[in-house]
């Protein structure tokens, strides 16, 4: 099935997403009766994934340091309050500081550990995964599972943004810099995903082709 964001790619509605989510007016003023909110959609996707998704690699049981746990709690609270100045500081300063101190050459705790020890709020987990995978791409060796997990997480995030635009109800507000970085990273992921999928099809490797479906 084609992701919902792809159906609106290049439309005026999709271009208005960043302005709306960073606190601008955008096109979120369009009300659509009967539409599900992004938060409802995220809840459904999270429950569906529990039943249908098969782990691509062994689940790591990660221990979350107290400083990292405190950071994640602050991030969750700032998302709930839509506190853009706090989110900007957490994103630009605290995340990078904790990365240098705790994860300069290894992965941040996996999403399952964060879900179990911090919160299972869907939007929070999607945004945490965005940070988690971007750290891997920036500093570590990227596996095929990492590429697929990051791609699927970006698709889920953009579907939430589109759902917000359709419903007229914003479920999240993020700093402009974070939104810009996510957009830039997504474009790179899209190009890489298409390139790798094209190579798999050209080589006619059934296992690789099935992996990208």
Protein backbone atom coordinates (compact mmCIF):
# COMPACT_ATOMS: atom_id res chain seq x y z
CA UNK A 1 0.00 0.00 0.00
CA UNK A 2 1.21 3.49 -0.85
CA UNK A 3 1.87 5.65 2.23
CA UNK A 4 -0.65 8.46 2.64
CA UNK A 5 2.13 11.08 2.52
CA UNK A 6 3.11 9.90 -0.97
CA UNK A 7 -0.40 10.54 -2.28
CA UNK A 8 -0.05 14.21 -1.33
CA UNK A 9 3.60 14.66 -2.26
CA UNK A 10 4.06 17.91 -4.16
CA UNK A 11 0.62 19.26 -3.29
CA UNK A 12 0.03 22.59 -1.61
CA UNK A 13 -1.33 20.82 1.47
CA UNK A 14 1.89 18.91 2.04
CA UNK A 15 3.99 22.07 1.66
CA UNK A 16 2.00 23.78 4.39
CA UNK A 17 2.78 21.06 6.94
CA UNK A 18 6.03 22.50 8.29
CA UNK A 19 4.58 25.96 8.82
CA UNK A 20 1.64 24.58 10.77
CA UNK A 21 3.68 22.22 12.95
CA UNK A 22 6.23 24.88 13.88
CA UNK A 23 3.48 27.14 15.19
CA UNK A 24 2.57 28.92 11.93
CA UNK A 25 -0.88 29.11 10.41
CA UNK A 26 -0.28 26.67 7.52
CA UNK A 27 -3.44 25.01 6.21
CA UNK A 28 -4.41 23.28 9.44
CA UNK A 29 -7.37 25.63 9.77
CA UNK A 30 -9.22 23.38 7.34
CA UNK A 31 -11.64 21.36 9.44
CA UNK A 32 -12.72 17.98 8.16
CA UNK A 33 -15.62 16.38 10.03
CA UNK A 34 -15.25 12.69 10.67
CA UNK A 35 -11.47 12.68 10.16
CA UNK A 36 -9.32 10.90 12.72
CA UNK A 37 -6.73 12.96 14.56
CA UNK A 38 -3.04 12.21 14.25
CA UNK A 39 -2.93 10.94 17.80
CA UNK A 40 -5.78 8.48 17.13
CA UNK A 41 -4.05 7.32 13.97
CA UNK A 42 -0.80 6.84 15.85
CA UNK A 43 -2.57 4.76 18.52
CA UNK A 44 -4.05 2.49 15.84
CA UNK A 45 -0.75 2.11 14.01
CA UNK A 46 1.05 1.29 17.24
CA UNK A 47 -1.47 -1.43 18.14
CA UNK A 48 -1.43 -2.84 14.59
CA UNK A 49 2.37 -2.99 14.57
CA UNK A 50 2.42 -5.03 17.78
CA UNK A 51 0.48 -7.79 16.06
CA UNK A 52 1.91 -7.68 12.56
CA UNK A 53 5.51 -6.52 12.64
CA UNK A 54 8.27 -9.08 12.96
CA UNK A 55 11.49 -7.87 14.64
CA UNK A 56 14.27 -7.59 12.10
CA UNK A 57 17.01 -8.06 14.65
CA UNK A 58 17.28 -9.43 18.21
CA UNK A 59 15.77 -7.09 20.79
CA UNK A 60 18.46 -5.51 22.95
CA UNK A 61 17.67 -5.09 26.64
CA UNK A 62 19.13 -1.66 27.23
CA UNK A 63 19.69 0.06 30.53
CA UNK A 64 18.79 3.74 30.46
CA UNK A 65 21.15 5.98 32.50
CA UNK A 66 19.46 8.36 34.94
CA UNK A 67 20.52 11.46 32.98
CA UNK A 68 19.08 10.00 29.77
CA UNK A 69 15.89 8.95 31.56
CA UNK A 70 15.53 12.53 32.84
CA UNK A 71 16.04 13.89 29.32
CA UNK A 72 13.38 11.58 27.90
CA UNK A 73 10.96 12.59 30.64
CA UNK A 74 11.55 16.25 29.81
CA UNK A 75 11.06 15.55 26.11
CA UNK A 76 7.77 13.78 26.78
CA UNK A 77 6.53 16.62 28.98
CA UNK A 78 7.57 19.31 26.48
CA UNK A 79 5.75 17.49 23.68
CA UNK A 80 2.58 17.30 25.76
CA UNK A 81 2.77 21.01 26.61
CA UNK A 82 3.89 21.98 23.08
CA UNK A 83 6.66 24.02 24.67
CA UNK A 84 8.73 24.92 21.62
CA UNK A 85 11.55 26.77 23.49
CA UNK A 86 12.03 23.75 25.77
CA UNK A 87 11.95 21.35 22.81
CA UNK A 88 14.51 23.47 20.97
CA UNK A 89 16.92 23.34 23.92
CA UNK A 90 16.43 19.60 24.39
CA UNK A 91 16.97 18.95 20.69
CA UNK A 92 19.88 21.32 20.02
CA UNK A 93 21.77 21.12 23.33
CA UNK A 94 20.79 18.32 25.70
CA UNK A 95 20.54 15.52 23.13
CA UNK A 96 23.99 16.31 21.69
CA UNK A 97 25.54 16.64 25.14
CA UNK A 98 24.17 13.28 26.27
CA UNK A 99 25.27 11.69 23.01
CA UNK A 100 28.85 12.84 23.53
CA UNK A 101 28.84 11.69 27.15
CA UNK A 102 27.04 8.35 26.83
CA UNK A 103 26.79 7.25 23.17
CA UNK A 104 29.74 8.57 21.16
CA UNK A 105 30.34 5.16 19.55
CA UNK A 106 27.19 3.17 20.29
CA UNK A 107 23.45 3.31 19.83
CA UNK A 108 21.03 5.09 22.09
CA UNK A 109 18.63 2.75 23.98
CA UNK A 110 16.27 0.97 21.60
CA UNK A 111 12.65 2.04 21.35
CA UNK A 112 11.39 -1.04 23.20
CA UNK A 113 13.43 -0.11 26.27
CA UNK A 114 12.20 3.49 26.11
CA UNK A 115 8.62 2.29 25.68
CA UNK A 116 8.90 0.01 28.69
CA UNK A 117 10.81 2.33 31.02
CA UNK A 118 9.63 5.81 30.02
CA UNK A 119 6.37 5.97 28.03
CA UNK A 120 4.41 4.17 25.33
CA UNK A 121 2.91 7.41 23.98
CA UNK A 122 2.97 6.89 20.18
CA UNK A 123 4.02 10.38 19.10
CA UNK A 124 6.81 10.46 21.67
CA UNK A 125 8.14 7.11 20.46
CA UNK A 126 8.06 8.16 16.79
CA UNK A 127 10.06 11.30 17.53
CA UNK A 128 12.47 9.38 19.76
CA UNK A 129 13.08 6.92 16.93
CA UNK A 130 13.79 9.87 14.63
CA UNK A 131 16.59 10.94 16.97
CA UNK A 132 17.71 7.34 17.50
CA UNK A 133 18.14 6.55 13.80
CA UNK A 134 19.64 9.93 12.93
CA UNK A 135 22.35 9.32 15.54
CA UNK A 136 23.12 5.96 13.90
CA UNK A 137 23.40 7.57 10.47
CA UNK A 138 25.63 10.35 11.78
CA UNK A 139 28.10 8.33 13.87
CA UNK A 140 27.75 4.57 13.47
CA UNK A 141 27.67 1.81 10.89
CA UNK A 142 24.20 1.60 9.33
CA UNK A 143 22.68 -1.85 8.82
CA UNK A 144 19.96 -2.74 6.34
CA UNK A 145 17.56 -3.16 9.27
CA UNK A 146 18.43 0.34 10.46
CA UNK A 147 17.71 1.77 7.01
CA UNK A 148 14.36 0.07 6.82
CA UNK A 149 13.39 0.99 10.39
CA UNK A 150 14.29 4.63 9.84
CA UNK A 151 12.42 4.78 6.52
CA UNK A 152 9.28 3.26 8.00
CA UNK A 153 9.42 5.65 10.95
CA UNK A 154 9.62 8.67 8.64
CA UNK A 155 6.65 7.38 6.64
CA UNK A 156 4.67 7.03 9.85
CA UNK A 157 5.65 10.52 10.97
CA UNK A 158 4.61 12.13 7.66
CA UNK A 159 1.31 10.25 7.71
CA UNK A 160 0.65 11.84 11.11
CA UNK A 161 1.43 15.29 9.73
CA UNK A 162 -0.99 14.76 6.84
CA UNK A 163 -3.65 13.52 9.23
CA UNK A 164 -3.19 16.74 11.22
CA UNK A 165 -3.69 18.83 8.10
CA UNK A 166 -6.82 16.92 7.15
CA UNK A 167 -8.37 17.08 10.61
CA UNK A 168 -7.45 20.68 11.35
CA UNK A 169 -6.19 19.62 14.80
CA UNK A 170 -2.47 19.84 15.49
CA UNK A 171 -1.28 17.01 17.72
CA UNK A 172 2.29 18.33 17.91
CA UNK A 173 4.38 21.46 17.58
CA UNK A 174 8.12 21.26 16.99
CA UNK A 175 10.98 23.76 16.66
CA UNK A 176 11.56 24.93 13.10
CA UNK A 177 15.15 23.63 13.14
CA UNK A 178 14.04 20.12 14.07
CA UNK A 179 11.39 20.15 11.34
CA UNK A 180 13.94 21.32 8.78
CA UNK A 181 16.43 18.63 9.81
CA UNK A 182 13.76 15.93 9.62
CA UNK A 183 12.73 17.07 6.14
CA UNK A 184 16.31 17.13 4.92
CA UNK A 185 16.98 13.68 6.39
CA UNK A 186 13.79 12.24 4.92
CA UNK A 187 14.73 13.37 1.41
CA UNK A 188 18.10 11.67 1.83
CA UNK A 189 16.40 8.50 3.12
CA UNK A 190 13.96 8.51 0.21
CA UNK A 191 16.76 8.77 -2.34
CA UNK A 192 18.77 6.02 -0.62
CA UNK A 193 15.76 3.73 -0.25
CA UNK A 194 14.85 4.05 -3.93
CA UNK A 195 18.46 3.49 -5.00
CA UNK A 196 18.84 0.33 -2.89
CA UNK A 197 15.47 -1.01 -3.99
CA UNK A 198 16.37 -0.39 -7.64
CA UNK A 199 19.65 -2.27 -7.23
CA UNK A 200 17.84 -5.21 -5.63
CA UNK A 201 15.31 -5.37 -8.47
CA UNK A 202 18.02 -5.05 -11.11
CA UNK A 203 20.03 -7.86 -9.49
CA UNK A 204 16.84 -9.96 -9.25
CA UNK A 205 17.66 -11.07 -5.73
CA UNK A 206 14.34 -12.39 -4.42
CA UNK A 207 15.22 -12.04 -0.73
CA UNK A 208 16.32 -8.41 -1.14
CA UNK A 209 13.29 -7.52 -3.27
CA UNK A 210 10.95 -9.03 -0.68
CA UNK A 211 12.74 -7.06 2.04
CA UNK A 212 11.95 -3.74 0.37
CA UNK A 213 8.27 -4.50 -0.27
